[in-house]
Every structure is written in C-alpha cells, then in structure tokens.
Amino acid sequence: MHAKGTGTHGMSAEGEGQSAENFRLACAIGDIASRAGAVIQQIAAENRPSRRKSDDSPVTDADEAAEALLIEELRRLAPGVTIVAEEAAARRMPPRPAGPYFLVDPIDGTREFLGGYDEFTVNVALVDNHAPVLGVIYAPRLNALYVGTHKRALRAMVVPGMTFDRDAATAIRVRPRGAGMVALVSRSHADPAADGFLAKLGIGEKIPAGSSLKFARLAEGAADVYARLVRVNEWDIAAGHALVVAAGGRVTAPDGGGIRYGVRENGFSVDGFVAWGAAPG
C-alpha cells in the first residue's frame, strides 16, 4: 500500500517498516480528522435539522460533509485502498474488500452530537488481514485527538482544523488491574447482555460515556473494561479497537476469542466485543 505524504514507499506485511509506515499514516490521518472536525463544528453552528436513515438512526449534514472530506483526503493519502464509510454504506453496502481497507465513521455518537453533548467523535481505522492495525479518534468539542498503531498510542490536544503535532502528544497506556474494577457503559444504547456480563465481574463503578470515547478512556487508563454484547458495525469500533490494543489492552469477541473484520457477506459488522485494559485473569 502506498500512502502519499507519509515519507515512505509501500508497506511490508510485517516488521519495523510496517510499524513506521502505519505510524506516519496514522499521524497524517489525525490531521485529516482535525479538518473534518472543523467542518462538523461549522455546520453545527448553523443548527441545520437532522434526518432519518432507513434504519431510523439520525443523520445530519455534518455527517455527510465530514465523510466527503475524509473520503477525498484518504483517497489522496492512500490511493487504491478501499474506503468503507458509514453514510455511503447506508446508501449502498460495498462488497467485501479483497485487501486492506479504511473504515470511516464521520460522526460516531450522532445522538450525542444532536443532544449537545461533547462526546461525539470522528473515527478512522485501517483494517489489514481482518484486524484493525491503526486507529484515529478525534473529539472536536473536546479538542482531543487519539492515535494508535503498533504498540504506540498517543493523545494530543488539537483544536479543530489545526495540525496534529506528534512531538507535543502524550503517550497513553491502559492501567493495571485493580481491586475495584471500573466499567465504561454507553450513554445512549441499552445493552442488557453487557449489563449481565459486567454484574458477574463485580464492577465497583460504571462510567457512562458516548461514542468511541469509551475506547479512548480505556486506552488512557481511566477504566478497566468496556463491553457491548450486541451486533455492532465495524466502523463504530475499529478505531477504538486499534487504539486499545496499541495502548497495551485487548479486544475480544464475547466468547473471549478473536474478532475478524471484513468477513460477513452481507455487511460490515461483528457480534459484539469486550475491550479490556489489563488482560483478564
């Protein structure tokens, strides 16, 4: 895979070359996510009405404008790499990619966005060999950018539209398992199966949050576990999955096995997940 502007020429299947290439690629995507965040903020200030998609979930002009920018810039950055983006997929589901592909969620947490909360994000991930190998999460209203790939996870304060300065970023890691486990739970989506799973763990505290920020909070050591035991779209979780793994955590299927991306014939989804900070004992 060739990525313009990243200072390298191609990606090997394994090794240090791939790690360095993916880090440069992730940092470049961080800049793109920041620009998408600026578009979202601009449209949000105009108070445009939302609409409903065929699955009755909300969509806004901000979703569509940010997605258009992300697709255009990703095509320029990595020509030839398939892009699977939420709003485009809602109109027409693309075929299963034969090689690496980007997953794009222009606004993860549209309900939070419409409700005036700060907890919505721009998500971009690269999937290779059925696993997310890099993830970028950007929260425009929090000026918070997270970048993760190959055991390197960073957090930086980035105002929407500004460039990501990797030298000013802070390395983040998941925290060791403590006596009183803390779980992150969805602010907007009920999940009785996940509630039952967490009850068996003896969780001491639950922290509600929106969007993929739950993955980011886990990656930076604010909690121990985040679970959703229902089918979820790949673009909702891939960036967070990559970030948590890069920060030293683990993301598994509900049964504890691995999660394989890009294998369904009829769409891009997985049957739930459990994201851990320190690995379960």
Protein backbone atom coordinates (compact mmCIF):
# COMPACT_ATOMS: atom_id res chain seq x y z
CA MET A 1 0.00 0.00 0.00
CA HIS A 2 1.37 3.38 -0.97
CA ALA A 3 0.50 6.43 1.13
CA LYS A 4 1.32 9.83 -0.31
CA GLY A 5 2.83 12.33 2.05
CA THR A 6 3.89 9.82 4.66
CA GLY A 7 7.56 9.75 3.68
CA THR A 8 7.71 6.06 2.75
CA HIS A 9 7.20 3.92 -0.32
CA GLY A 10 5.00 0.92 0.38
CA MET A 11 4.17 -1.31 3.35
CA SER A 12 5.65 -4.71 4.07
CA ALA A 13 3.46 -7.40 5.59
CA GLU A 14 5.32 -7.38 8.89
CA GLY A 15 8.16 -5.76 10.76
CA GLU A 16 9.55 -2.37 11.60
CA GLY A 17 8.91 -0.95 8.16
CA GLN A 18 5.19 -1.55 8.53
CA SER A 19 5.17 -0.13 12.05
CA ALA A 20 6.88 3.10 10.97
CA GLU A 21 4.71 3.40 7.86
CA ASN A 22 1.49 2.92 9.82
CA PHE A 23 2.53 5.46 12.44
CA ARG A 24 3.21 8.09 9.79
CA LEU A 25 -0.05 7.20 8.10
CA ALA A 26 -1.95 7.46 11.40
CA CYS A 27 -0.46 10.90 12.10
CA ALA A 28 -1.47 12.10 8.64
CA ILE A 29 -4.99 10.80 9.25
CA GLY A 30 -5.00 12.71 12.54
CA ASP A 31 -4.62 15.92 10.53
CA ILE A 32 -7.48 14.88 8.25
CA ALA A 33 -9.71 14.08 11.23
CA SER A 34 -8.99 17.53 12.66
CA ARG A 35 -10.13 19.13 9.41
CA ALA A 36 -13.27 17.01 9.45
CA GLY A 37 -13.88 18.20 13.00
CA ALA A 38 -13.72 21.81 11.82
CA VAL A 39 -16.36 21.07 9.17
CA ILE A 40 -18.59 19.46 11.80
CA GLN A 41 -18.26 22.41 14.14
CA GLN A 42 -19.04 24.89 11.37
CA ILE A 43 -22.21 23.07 10.33
CA ALA A 44 -23.25 22.51 13.96
CA ALA A 45 -23.20 26.27 14.48
CA GLU A 46 -25.76 26.64 11.70
CA ASN A 47 -28.37 24.50 13.52
CA ARG A 48 -29.37 22.50 10.45
CA PRO A 49 -32.09 19.86 11.05
CA SER A 50 -31.31 16.14 11.18
CA ARG A 51 -32.95 13.42 9.07
CA ARG A 52 -33.63 9.70 9.49
CA LYS A 53 -31.94 6.90 7.59
CA SER A 54 -33.67 3.68 6.56
CA ASP A 55 -32.72 2.06 9.89
CA ASP A 56 -34.29 5.03 11.72
CA SER A 57 -30.94 6.28 13.02
CA PRO A 58 -30.27 10.02 12.69
CA VAL A 59 -28.03 11.61 10.08
CA THR A 60 -27.06 15.25 9.63
CA ASP A 61 -25.44 17.48 7.04
CA ALA A 62 -22.38 17.41 9.29
CA ASP A 63 -22.10 13.60 8.96
CA GLU A 64 -22.24 13.82 5.19
CA ALA A 65 -19.90 16.79 4.77
CA ALA A 66 -17.30 15.33 7.14
CA GLU A 67 -17.49 11.96 5.40
CA ALA A 68 -16.99 13.57 1.99
CA LEU A 69 -13.87 15.35 3.25
CA LEU A 70 -12.49 12.19 4.88
CA ILE A 71 -13.02 10.10 1.75
CA GLU A 72 -11.42 12.69 -0.53
CA GLU A 73 -8.37 13.10 1.72
CA LEU A 74 -7.92 9.37 2.34
CA ARG A 75 -8.01 8.71 -1.39
CA ARG A 76 -5.30 11.31 -1.86
CA LEU A 77 -3.26 9.91 1.04
CA ALA A 78 -3.54 6.23 0.13
CA PRO A 79 -4.65 5.79 -3.49
CA GLY A 80 -6.13 2.42 -4.29
CA VAL A 81 -7.07 1.47 -0.73
CA THR A 82 -10.78 0.70 -0.39
CA ILE A 83 -12.77 3.05 1.84
CA VAL A 84 -15.86 1.79 3.68
CA ALA A 85 -17.70 4.77 5.14
CA GLU A 86 -20.88 4.72 7.22
CA GLU A 87 -23.11 7.10 5.27
CA ALA A 88 -22.08 5.75 1.87
CA ALA A 89 -22.68 2.21 3.15
CA ALA A 90 -26.15 3.24 4.34
CA ARG A 91 -26.99 4.13 0.75
CA ARG A 92 -25.31 1.12 -0.82
CA MET A 93 -23.36 -1.55 1.04
CA PRO A 94 -19.98 -2.06 -0.68
CA PRO A 95 -18.62 -5.52 -1.50
CA ARG A 96 -16.18 -7.20 0.85
CA PRO A 97 -12.67 -5.78 0.16
CA ALA A 98 -10.00 -8.16 -1.10
CA GLY A 99 -7.19 -6.31 0.69
CA PRO A 100 -6.64 -3.59 3.31
CA TYR A 101 -9.42 -1.06 3.74
CA PHE A 102 -10.24 2.06 5.68
CA LEU A 103 -13.28 2.24 7.93
CA VAL A 104 -14.74 5.73 8.37
CA ASP A 105 -17.37 6.94 10.82
CA PRO A 106 -17.63 10.71 10.30
CA ILE A 107 -19.63 11.27 13.50
CA ASP A 108 -19.72 8.42 15.98
CA GLY A 109 -22.33 9.40 18.54
CA THR A 110 -24.73 11.36 16.33
CA ARG A 111 -27.30 11.26 19.14
CA GLU A 112 -24.80 12.90 21.49
CA PHE A 113 -23.97 15.42 18.79
CA LEU A 114 -27.64 16.32 18.33
CA GLY A 115 -28.20 16.36 22.09
CA GLY A 116 -25.50 18.97 22.64
CA TYR A 117 -23.04 16.63 24.35
CA ASP A 118 -19.29 16.88 23.75
CA GLU A 119 -18.89 13.11 23.44
CA PHE A 120 -19.01 12.52 19.70
CA THR A 121 -16.02 11.56 17.61
CA VAL A 122 -14.55 11.23 14.15
CA ASN A 123 -13.29 7.67 13.67
CA VAL A 124 -10.89 6.33 11.05
CA ALA A 125 -9.27 2.88 11.08
CA LEU A 126 -7.19 0.80 8.71
CA VAL A 127 -8.04 -2.91 8.59
CA ASP A 128 -5.46 -5.35 7.24
CA ASN A 129 -5.64 -9.14 7.33
CA HIS A 130 -9.04 -8.95 9.12
CA ALA A 131 -7.77 -6.82 12.03
CA PRO A 132 -7.57 -3.06 12.67
CA VAL A 133 -3.91 -2.07 12.52
CA LEU A 134 -4.30 1.65 13.19
CA GLY A 135 -6.98 3.83 14.67
CA VAL A 136 -7.62 7.58 14.92
CA ILE A 137 -10.31 9.03 17.19
CA TYR A 138 -10.95 12.75 17.30
CA ALA A 139 -13.39 14.56 19.63
CA PRO A 140 -13.77 18.06 18.13
CA ARG A 141 -15.60 19.66 21.06
CA LEU A 142 -13.01 18.31 23.50
CA ASN A 143 -10.02 19.18 21.27
CA ALA A 144 -8.87 15.62 21.95
CA LEU A 145 -7.09 13.52 19.32
CA TYR A 146 -6.09 9.89 19.87
CA VAL A 147 -3.79 7.96 17.55
CA GLY A 148 -2.84 4.32 17.97
CA THR A 149 -0.88 1.74 15.99
CA HIS A 150 1.71 -1.00 16.65
CA LYS A 151 2.10 -0.63 20.44
CA ARG A 152 2.23 3.17 20.22
CA ALA A 153 -0.76 5.16 21.45
CA LEU A 154 -0.84 8.95 21.76
CA ARG A 155 -3.22 11.66 22.96
CA ALA A 156 -2.92 15.30 21.92
CA MET A 157 -4.90 18.50 22.32
CA VAL A 158 -5.83 19.64 18.81
CA VAL A 159 -8.21 22.49 18.03
CA PRO A 160 -10.48 21.63 15.07
CA GLY A 161 -8.70 22.43 11.82
CA MET A 162 -5.24 22.57 13.38
CA THR A 163 -2.34 20.24 12.61
CA PHE A 164 -1.53 17.29 14.87
CA ASP A 165 1.88 17.87 16.46
CA ARG A 166 3.11 14.41 17.35
CA ASP A 167 6.02 15.84 19.35
CA ALA A 168 3.58 17.58 21.68
CA ALA A 169 1.46 14.45 22.16
CA THR A 170 1.39 12.33 25.32
CA ALA A 171 1.89 8.57 25.28
CA ILE A 172 -1.01 6.68 26.85
CA ARG A 173 -1.29 3.16 28.30
CA VAL A 174 -4.02 1.05 29.81
CA ARG A 175 -3.87 0.76 33.57
CA PRO A 176 -3.05 -2.34 35.66
CA ARG A 177 -5.98 -4.31 37.01
CA GLY A 178 -7.01 -3.01 40.44
CA ALA A 179 -9.21 -4.38 43.19
CA GLY A 180 -12.31 -2.37 42.26
CA MET A 181 -12.93 -2.65 38.53
CA VAL A 182 -14.37 0.32 36.65
CA ALA A 183 -16.53 -0.22 33.56
CA LEU A 184 -17.41 2.20 30.79
CA VAL A 185 -21.03 1.95 29.61
CA SER A 186 -23.00 3.51 26.80
CA ARG A 187 -24.89 6.71 27.46
CA SER A 188 -27.36 6.14 24.62
CA HIS A 189 -27.64 2.40 23.90
CA ALA A 190 -29.20 -0.11 26.31
CA ASP A 191 -27.41 -3.47 26.41
CA PRO A 192 -28.91 -5.90 28.98
CA ALA A 193 -26.50 -8.67 27.98
CA ALA A 194 -23.50 -6.44 28.69
CA ASP A 195 -25.08 -5.38 31.99
CA GLY A 196 -25.32 -9.04 32.99
CA PHE A 197 -21.73 -9.68 31.93
CA LEU A 198 -20.47 -6.75 33.99
CA ALA A 199 -22.51 -7.85 37.03
CA LYS A 200 -20.60 -11.14 37.06
CA LEU A 201 -17.30 -9.25 37.15
CA GLY A 202 -18.16 -7.45 40.37
CA ILE A 203 -17.77 -3.99 38.89
CA GLY A 204 -17.25 -1.30 41.51
CA GLU A 205 -18.17 1.68 39.34
CA LYS A 206 -19.81 2.36 35.97
CA ILE A 207 -18.95 5.46 33.98
CA PRO A 208 -21.45 6.45 31.26
CA ALA A 209 -19.96 7.94 28.12
CA GLY A 210 -20.83 8.40 24.47
CA SER A 211 -19.26 7.28 21.21
CA SER A 212 -15.81 5.71 20.80
CA LEU A 213 -14.52 7.92 23.61
CA LYS A 214 -15.15 4.86 25.78
CA PHE A 215 -12.32 3.11 23.96
CA ALA A 216 -10.15 6.20 24.35
CA ARG A 217 -10.85 6.40 28.09
CA LEU A 218 -9.93 2.74 28.43
CA ALA A 219 -6.73 3.26 26.44
CA GLU A 220 -5.63 6.17 28.62
CA GLY A 221 -6.19 4.22 31.85
CA ALA A 222 -9.46 5.70 33.13
CA ALA A 223 -11.25 2.33 33.38
CA ASP A 224 -10.79 -1.42 33.12
CA VAL A 225 -13.44 -2.80 30.77
CA TYR A 226 -15.99 -1.81 28.12
CA ALA A 227 -18.40 -4.37 26.68
CA ARG A 228 -21.14 -4.44 24.08
CA LEU A 229 -22.69 -7.84 23.51
CA VAL A 230 -24.90 -7.00 20.53
CA ARG A 231 -24.07 -6.77 16.84
CA VAL A 232 -22.18 -3.57 16.06
CA ASN A 233 -20.89 -2.02 12.87
CA GLU A 234 -17.18 -2.29 12.18
CA TRP A 235 -16.80 1.47 11.65
CA ASP A 236 -18.13 2.05 15.18
CA ILE A 237 -15.40 0.05 16.89
CA ALA A 238 -12.36 -0.49 14.63
CA ALA A 239 -10.54 2.74 15.51
CA GLY A 240 -11.13 2.16 19.21
CA HIS A 241 -10.08 -1.48 18.90
CA ALA A 242 -6.77 -0.46 17.33
CA LEU A 243 -6.21 2.27 19.92
CA VAL A 244 -6.82 0.00 22.92
CA VAL A 245 -4.50 -2.69 21.54
CA ALA A 246 -1.82 -0.09 20.79
CA ALA A 247 -2.10 1.12 24.40
CA GLY A 248 -1.49 -2.38 25.75
CA GLY A 249 -5.07 -3.60 26.10
CA ARG A 250 -7.05 -6.34 24.45
CA VAL A 251 -10.31 -6.53 22.50
CA THR A 252 -12.03 -9.89 22.15
CA ALA A 253 -15.24 -11.42 20.90
CA PRO A 254 -17.86 -12.00 23.63
CA ASP A 255 -16.64 -15.61 24.00
CA GLY A 256 -13.05 -14.47 24.51
CA GLY A 257 -11.87 -15.35 21.02
CA GLY A 258 -10.55 -13.05 18.35
CA ILE A 259 -12.60 -10.67 16.20
CA ARG A 260 -12.27 -10.94 12.41
CA TYR A 261 -13.20 -7.92 10.35
CA GLY A 262 -14.39 -7.94 6.76
CA VAL A 263 -15.71 -11.50 6.70
CA ARG A 264 -19.51 -11.06 6.52
CA GLU A 265 -21.04 -11.46 3.10
CA ASN A 266 -23.90 -9.06 3.83
CA GLY A 267 -22.30 -6.14 5.60
CA PHE A 268 -19.58 -4.90 7.91
CA SER A 269 -20.43 -5.90 11.47
CA VAL A 270 -19.28 -8.09 14.36
CA ASP A 271 -21.25 -9.90 17.03
CA GLY A 272 -20.23 -7.74 19.97
CA PHE A 273 -16.93 -7.33 21.82
CA VAL A 274 -15.26 -6.93 25.20
CA ALA A 275 -12.46 -4.36 25.46
CA TRP A 276 -10.07 -4.80 28.38
CA GLY A 277 -7.35 -2.67 29.88
CA ALA A 278 -5.17 -5.22 31.65
CA ALA A 279 -5.89 -8.65 30.22
CA PRO A 280 -8.46 -10.72 32.14
CA GLY A 281 -7.03 -13.17 34.61
